Amino acid sequence: MMSIISGFLIPAQIGIKTESPKAILDVNGDMNLRGKLSVLNVTNNTIPEATNDQILVSQGEGYPPIWKSLRIPDYEQNKFFLIYNNSFSDRNGVEFSFSEESSNGSTISTSLIQNANISTLNLFKKIPLLSQTFEVYSEQSKTYFQFETVVHADFLGNQSNADQSIDYGCGIFVDNKLANMRLGNIKASSANYPFLTHNQIGMIGNLSKGNHSISVACARLKSYNTEARLGIGINVASNIDSFITQSSLRIDVYEVPQVFNTIIN
């Protein structure tokens, strides 16, 4: 004689100190866990264990929780910390002919002043890829910037005994307002196509919280005994190439923290 035994899986909920459990296990009171707590990873069917300082984070309804690492920096009150850091480069640069000489060159003392709007500075050209945005989270901040480029001139191989040179200027603008300006001069030499490295560092304090724009713009200010071509961040003759003349901009924002990003990865 053959017997057939059928088994049935009956869903059940267990309640501790409650007669109406709302989950498979419902504990109404404190719980002390003496051993490990593991959670099934349904993606690869493994049961990973947490490492030191990890917490269990919900992924939403229908998904199992996962372990996440804490990301809480050790901040001290009233001290500045590096919150944002980035750098950018550009090989396009800007080029100037003799006819593109800025009228601001003759009025430097009145036009190239702090917070001057770029729209008031005649023939200042922005270096394309150095125009970027960044965000400030605190009312107490210091934003440092460093700009480096190569200035290149083509004196047409037609040098006379008279001194030949070109004055130029480069400014760093935050929200299109002048935050830092440096002037320079490039002189003709026996090489015909001289170049020099231009480097400037500046700082602006306590920008308003939120997004800000930063850009670098340069101008040809005045020429002396020459109509030579001028390139800033771009080569105007073949003795150097765009790798050598490329421009770079670095931004560092230090803040006394007031607002923190999400504390988990």
Protein backbone atom coordinates (compact mmCIF):
# COMPACT_ATOMS: atom_id res chain seq x y z
CA MET A 1 0.00 0.00 0.00
CA MET A 2 1.32 3.43 -0.88
CA SER A 3 0.72 6.50 1.26
CA ILE A 4 0.82 10.01 -0.13
CA ILE A 5 1.73 12.76 2.30
CA SER A 6 1.16 16.35 1.24
CA GLY A 7 2.88 19.26 2.95
CA PHE A 8 1.64 22.82 3.04
CA LEU A 9 3.69 25.94 3.86
CA ILE A 10 1.49 28.18 5.94
CA PRO A 11 2.68 31.81 6.16
CA ALA A 12 3.02 32.90 9.78
CA GLN A 13 3.96 36.02 11.70
CA ILE A 14 5.61 35.98 15.08
CA GLY A 15 4.90 38.70 17.59
CA ILE A 16 6.83 39.29 20.78
CA LYS A 17 4.82 41.29 23.33
CA THR A 18 2.20 41.92 20.67
CA GLU A 19 -0.84 39.89 19.62
CA SER A 20 -1.07 41.55 16.20
CA PRO A 21 2.37 41.39 14.51
CA LYS A 22 2.77 43.53 11.41
CA ALA A 23 5.76 41.66 9.95
CA ILE A 24 7.18 38.14 9.95
CA LEU A 25 8.92 39.11 13.21
CA ASP A 26 7.46 42.00 15.21
CA VAL A 27 9.16 42.89 18.49
CA ASN A 28 7.36 45.31 20.80
CA GLY A 29 10.22 46.36 23.03
CA ASP A 30 13.99 46.56 23.21
CA MET A 31 16.13 44.07 21.30
CA ASN A 32 19.69 43.09 22.17
CA LEU A 33 21.67 41.43 19.38
CA ARG A 34 24.59 39.34 20.68
CA GLY A 35 25.75 37.86 17.37
CA LYS A 36 26.24 39.04 13.83
CA LEU A 37 23.56 40.58 11.61
CA SER A 38 23.69 39.60 7.95
CA VAL A 39 21.49 40.60 5.01
CA LEU A 40 21.01 38.61 1.80
CA ASN A 41 22.28 40.27 -1.38
CA VAL A 42 19.68 39.11 -3.90
CA THR A 43 21.83 40.22 -6.86
CA ASN A 44 24.53 37.59 -6.34
CA ASN A 45 22.80 35.47 -3.66
CA THR A 46 25.48 36.14 -1.04
CA ILE A 47 25.21 37.16 2.60
CA PRO A 48 27.81 39.91 3.12
CA GLU A 49 28.81 40.96 6.61
CA ALA A 50 29.33 44.58 7.54
CA THR A 51 32.76 46.04 8.16
CA ASN A 52 33.70 48.48 10.89
CA ASP A 53 31.65 51.75 10.89
CA GLN A 54 29.11 50.56 8.31
CA ILE A 55 25.37 51.05 8.76
CA LEU A 56 22.34 49.29 7.33
CA VAL A 57 20.51 51.48 4.81
CA SER A 58 17.07 50.96 3.26
CA GLN A 59 16.84 50.87 -0.55
CA GLY A 60 13.06 51.36 -0.53
CA GLU A 61 10.04 49.10 -0.64
CA GLY A 62 10.62 45.76 -2.34
CA TYR A 63 14.42 45.91 -2.07
CA PRO A 64 16.64 44.47 0.65
CA PRO A 65 18.68 46.85 2.82
CA ILE A 66 22.40 47.12 2.17
CA TRP A 67 25.49 48.00 4.18
CA LYS A 68 26.94 51.48 3.61
CA SER A 69 30.10 53.18 4.88
CA LEU A 70 29.88 56.32 6.97
CA ARG A 71 31.43 59.41 5.40
CA ILE A 72 31.59 61.92 8.22
CA PRO A 73 34.66 64.20 8.09
CA ASP A 74 36.25 65.25 11.34
CA TYR A 75 35.44 68.97 11.45
CA GLU A 76 36.41 71.41 14.19
CA GLN A 77 34.45 74.52 15.01
CA ASN A 78 35.47 77.86 13.46
CA LYS A 79 38.19 76.32 11.29
CA PHE A 80 38.41 76.38 7.51
CA PHE A 81 38.41 73.11 5.59
CA LEU A 82 38.91 72.35 1.92
CA ILE A 83 35.38 71.68 0.63
CA TYR A 84 35.84 72.03 -3.14
CA ASN A 85 38.86 71.47 -5.35
CA ASN A 86 39.05 71.19 -9.12
CA SER A 87 41.25 72.09 -12.07
CA PHE A 88 40.58 72.74 -15.76
CA SER A 89 42.65 73.13 -18.91
CA ASP A 90 42.23 74.76 -22.32
CA ARG A 91 44.19 74.54 -25.58
CA ASN A 92 42.04 77.00 -27.56
CA GLY A 93 43.38 80.19 -25.98
CA VAL A 94 42.80 83.67 -27.39
CA GLU A 95 44.63 85.53 -30.17
CA PHE A 96 44.94 89.27 -30.82
CA SER A 97 45.86 91.24 -33.91
CA PHE A 98 47.19 94.80 -33.75
CA SER A 99 43.68 96.12 -34.46
CA GLU A 100 42.31 94.31 -31.38
CA GLU A 101 44.15 96.46 -28.89
CA SER A 102 41.93 97.25 -25.91
CA SER A 103 41.12 100.88 -25.12
CA ASN A 104 41.39 99.93 -21.43
CA GLY A 105 45.15 99.95 -21.83
CA SER A 106 45.24 103.75 -21.61
CA THR A 107 42.93 103.89 -18.58
CA ILE A 108 44.28 101.11 -16.40
CA SER A 109 43.99 103.09 -13.17
CA THR A 110 40.28 103.77 -13.68
CA SER A 111 39.01 100.72 -15.57
CA LEU A 112 40.92 97.69 -14.28
CA ILE A 113 39.62 97.89 -10.73
CA GLN A 114 38.24 95.29 -8.34
CA ASN A 115 34.68 94.19 -9.15
CA ALA A 116 34.72 95.84 -12.58
CA ASN A 117 32.20 94.02 -14.77
CA ILE A 118 33.74 92.29 -17.75
CA SER A 119 31.23 94.04 -20.01
CA THR A 120 32.99 97.36 -19.24
CA LEU A 121 36.42 96.06 -20.25
CA ASN A 122 36.91 96.59 -23.96
CA LEU A 123 38.17 93.62 -26.05
CA PHE A 124 38.84 91.31 -23.12
CA LYS A 125 38.43 87.76 -24.43
CA LYS A 126 37.51 84.76 -22.27
CA ILE A 127 39.64 81.61 -22.53
CA PRO A 128 36.83 79.21 -23.49
CA LEU A 129 37.22 76.07 -21.38
CA LEU A 130 38.29 77.92 -18.24
CA SER A 131 34.76 79.29 -17.76
CA GLN A 132 33.32 77.00 -15.09
CA THR A 133 30.89 76.91 -12.15
CA PHE A 134 31.40 75.95 -8.52
CA GLU A 135 29.26 75.96 -5.36
CA VAL A 136 29.77 77.54 -1.94
CA TYR A 137 27.95 76.04 1.04
CA SER A 138 28.94 78.35 3.89
CA GLU A 139 28.73 82.07 4.62
CA GLN A 140 32.39 81.94 5.72
CA SER A 141 34.63 80.94 2.84
CA LYS A 142 37.89 81.68 1.06
CA THR A 143 38.14 80.85 -2.64
CA TYR A 144 41.68 80.57 -4.02
CA PHE A 145 42.48 80.34 -7.71
CA GLN A 146 45.64 79.80 -9.72
CA PHE A 147 45.87 80.50 -13.43
CA GLU A 148 48.82 79.60 -15.65
CA THR A 149 49.31 80.04 -19.38
CA VAL A 150 51.90 80.81 -22.04
CA VAL A 151 52.06 84.13 -23.88
CA HIS A 152 53.39 83.85 -27.44
CA ALA A 153 54.17 86.59 -29.99
CA ASP A 154 55.03 86.62 -33.67
CA PHE A 155 57.13 89.74 -34.26
CA LEU A 156 57.06 89.04 -38.01
CA GLY A 157 60.83 88.62 -38.21
CA ASN A 158 61.08 92.34 -38.86
CA GLN A 159 62.80 93.77 -35.83
CA SER A 160 64.35 97.17 -35.93
CA ASN A 161 66.73 98.75 -33.48
CA ALA A 162 63.78 100.24 -31.63
CA ASP A 163 62.36 98.31 -28.71
CA GLN A 164 59.43 96.16 -29.75
CA SER A 165 57.05 94.81 -27.12
CA ILE A 166 53.39 94.31 -26.21
CA ASP A 167 51.60 94.99 -22.92
CA TYR A 168 48.84 92.53 -22.03
CA GLY A 169 46.61 91.79 -19.06
CA CYS A 170 44.75 88.75 -17.75
CA GLY A 171 41.93 88.84 -15.22
CA ILE A 172 40.11 86.23 -13.18
CA PHE A 173 36.41 86.99 -12.96
CA VAL A 174 33.93 85.61 -10.42
CA ASP A 175 30.32 86.08 -11.52
CA ASN A 176 31.74 88.26 -14.34
CA LYS A 177 33.29 90.69 -11.83
CA LEU A 178 37.03 91.27 -11.71
CA ALA A 179 38.54 89.42 -8.72
CA ASN A 180 42.21 89.38 -9.73
CA MET A 181 44.30 91.08 -12.44
CA ARG A 182 47.92 90.73 -13.56
CA LEU A 183 49.68 92.75 -16.24
CA GLY A 184 52.66 91.67 -18.31
CA ASN A 185 54.88 92.60 -21.24
CA ILE A 186 56.44 90.42 -23.92
CA LYS A 187 59.49 91.74 -25.78
CA ALA A 188 60.93 90.95 -29.18
CA SER A 189 64.12 88.94 -29.22
CA SER A 190 66.53 87.45 -31.74
CA ALA A 191 64.30 84.35 -31.76
CA ASN A 192 61.52 86.32 -33.54
CA TYR A 193 58.83 84.24 -31.79
CA PRO A 194 59.37 84.76 -28.06
CA PHE A 195 57.15 83.23 -25.40
CA LEU A 196 56.88 83.46 -21.64
CA THR A 197 54.99 81.73 -18.83
CA HIS A 198 52.30 83.79 -17.14
CA ASN A 199 51.22 82.73 -13.64
CA GLN A 200 48.80 84.44 -11.27
CA ILE A 201 47.28 83.55 -7.91
CA GLY A 202 44.36 85.25 -6.21
CA MET A 203 41.72 84.92 -3.50
CA ILE A 204 38.19 86.14 -2.85
CA GLY A 205 36.48 85.86 0.53
CA ASN A 206 32.96 85.16 1.79
CA LEU A 207 31.08 84.57 -1.44
CA SER A 208 27.34 84.12 -0.97
CA LYS A 209 26.07 80.58 -0.55
CA GLY A 210 25.10 78.94 -3.83
CA ASN A 211 26.46 78.56 -7.35
CA HIS A 212 29.08 80.92 -8.80
CA SER A 213 30.81 81.26 -12.14
CA ILE A 214 34.52 81.73 -12.70
CA SER A 215 36.27 82.70 -15.92
CA VAL A 216 39.60 83.99 -17.20
CA ALA A 217 39.79 86.75 -19.78
CA CYS A 218 42.80 88.50 -21.32
CA ALA A 219 43.43 91.55 -23.49
CA ARG A 220 46.12 93.18 -25.59
CA LEU A 221 46.62 96.55 -23.91
CA LYS A 222 49.35 98.47 -25.76
CA SER A 223 51.93 97.88 -28.47
CA TYR A 224 55.33 99.51 -28.86
CA ASN A 225 56.87 99.80 -32.33
CA THR A 226 55.18 96.64 -33.57
CA GLU A 227 52.05 95.20 -35.14
CA ALA A 228 52.93 91.64 -34.12
CA ARG A 229 50.35 88.93 -33.47
CA LEU A 230 49.81 87.97 -29.85
CA GLY A 231 48.56 84.64 -28.52
CA ILE A 232 47.61 83.83 -24.92
CA GLY A 233 47.14 80.13 -24.33
CA ILE A 234 47.62 79.47 -28.05
CA ASN A 235 50.66 79.28 -30.33
CA VAL A 236 50.93 81.91 -33.09
CA ALA A 237 54.07 80.41 -34.67
CA SER A 238 55.39 76.90 -35.16
CA ASN A 239 58.31 77.03 -32.72
CA ILE A 240 55.98 75.74 -29.94
CA ASP A 241 52.68 73.83 -30.03
CA SER A 242 49.33 73.84 -28.22
CA PHE A 243 50.56 71.36 -25.61
CA ILE A 244 53.16 73.90 -24.47
CA THR A 245 50.86 76.94 -24.64
CA GLN A 246 47.78 75.40 -22.99
CA SER A 247 46.17 77.21 -20.06
CA SER A 248 45.16 75.79 -16.69
CA LEU A 249 42.97 77.02 -13.85
CA ARG A 250 42.78 75.57 -10.34
CA ILE A 251 40.04 76.40 -7.82
CA ASP A 252 40.15 75.65 -4.07
CA VAL A 253 37.23 76.61 -1.81
CA TYR A 254 37.90 76.58 1.94
CA GLU A 255 34.91 76.93 4.26
CA VAL A 256 33.88 76.98 7.89
CA PRO A 257 31.32 74.17 7.47
CA GLN A 258 27.67 74.98 8.03
CA VAL A 259 25.94 72.59 5.63
CA PHE A 260 27.06 69.00 5.15
CA ASN A 261 26.53 66.66 2.22
CA THR A 262 25.03 63.18 2.66
CA ILE A 263 27.02 61.27 5.26
CA ILE A 264 26.99 57.89 3.50
CA ASN A 265 28.55 56.63 0.29
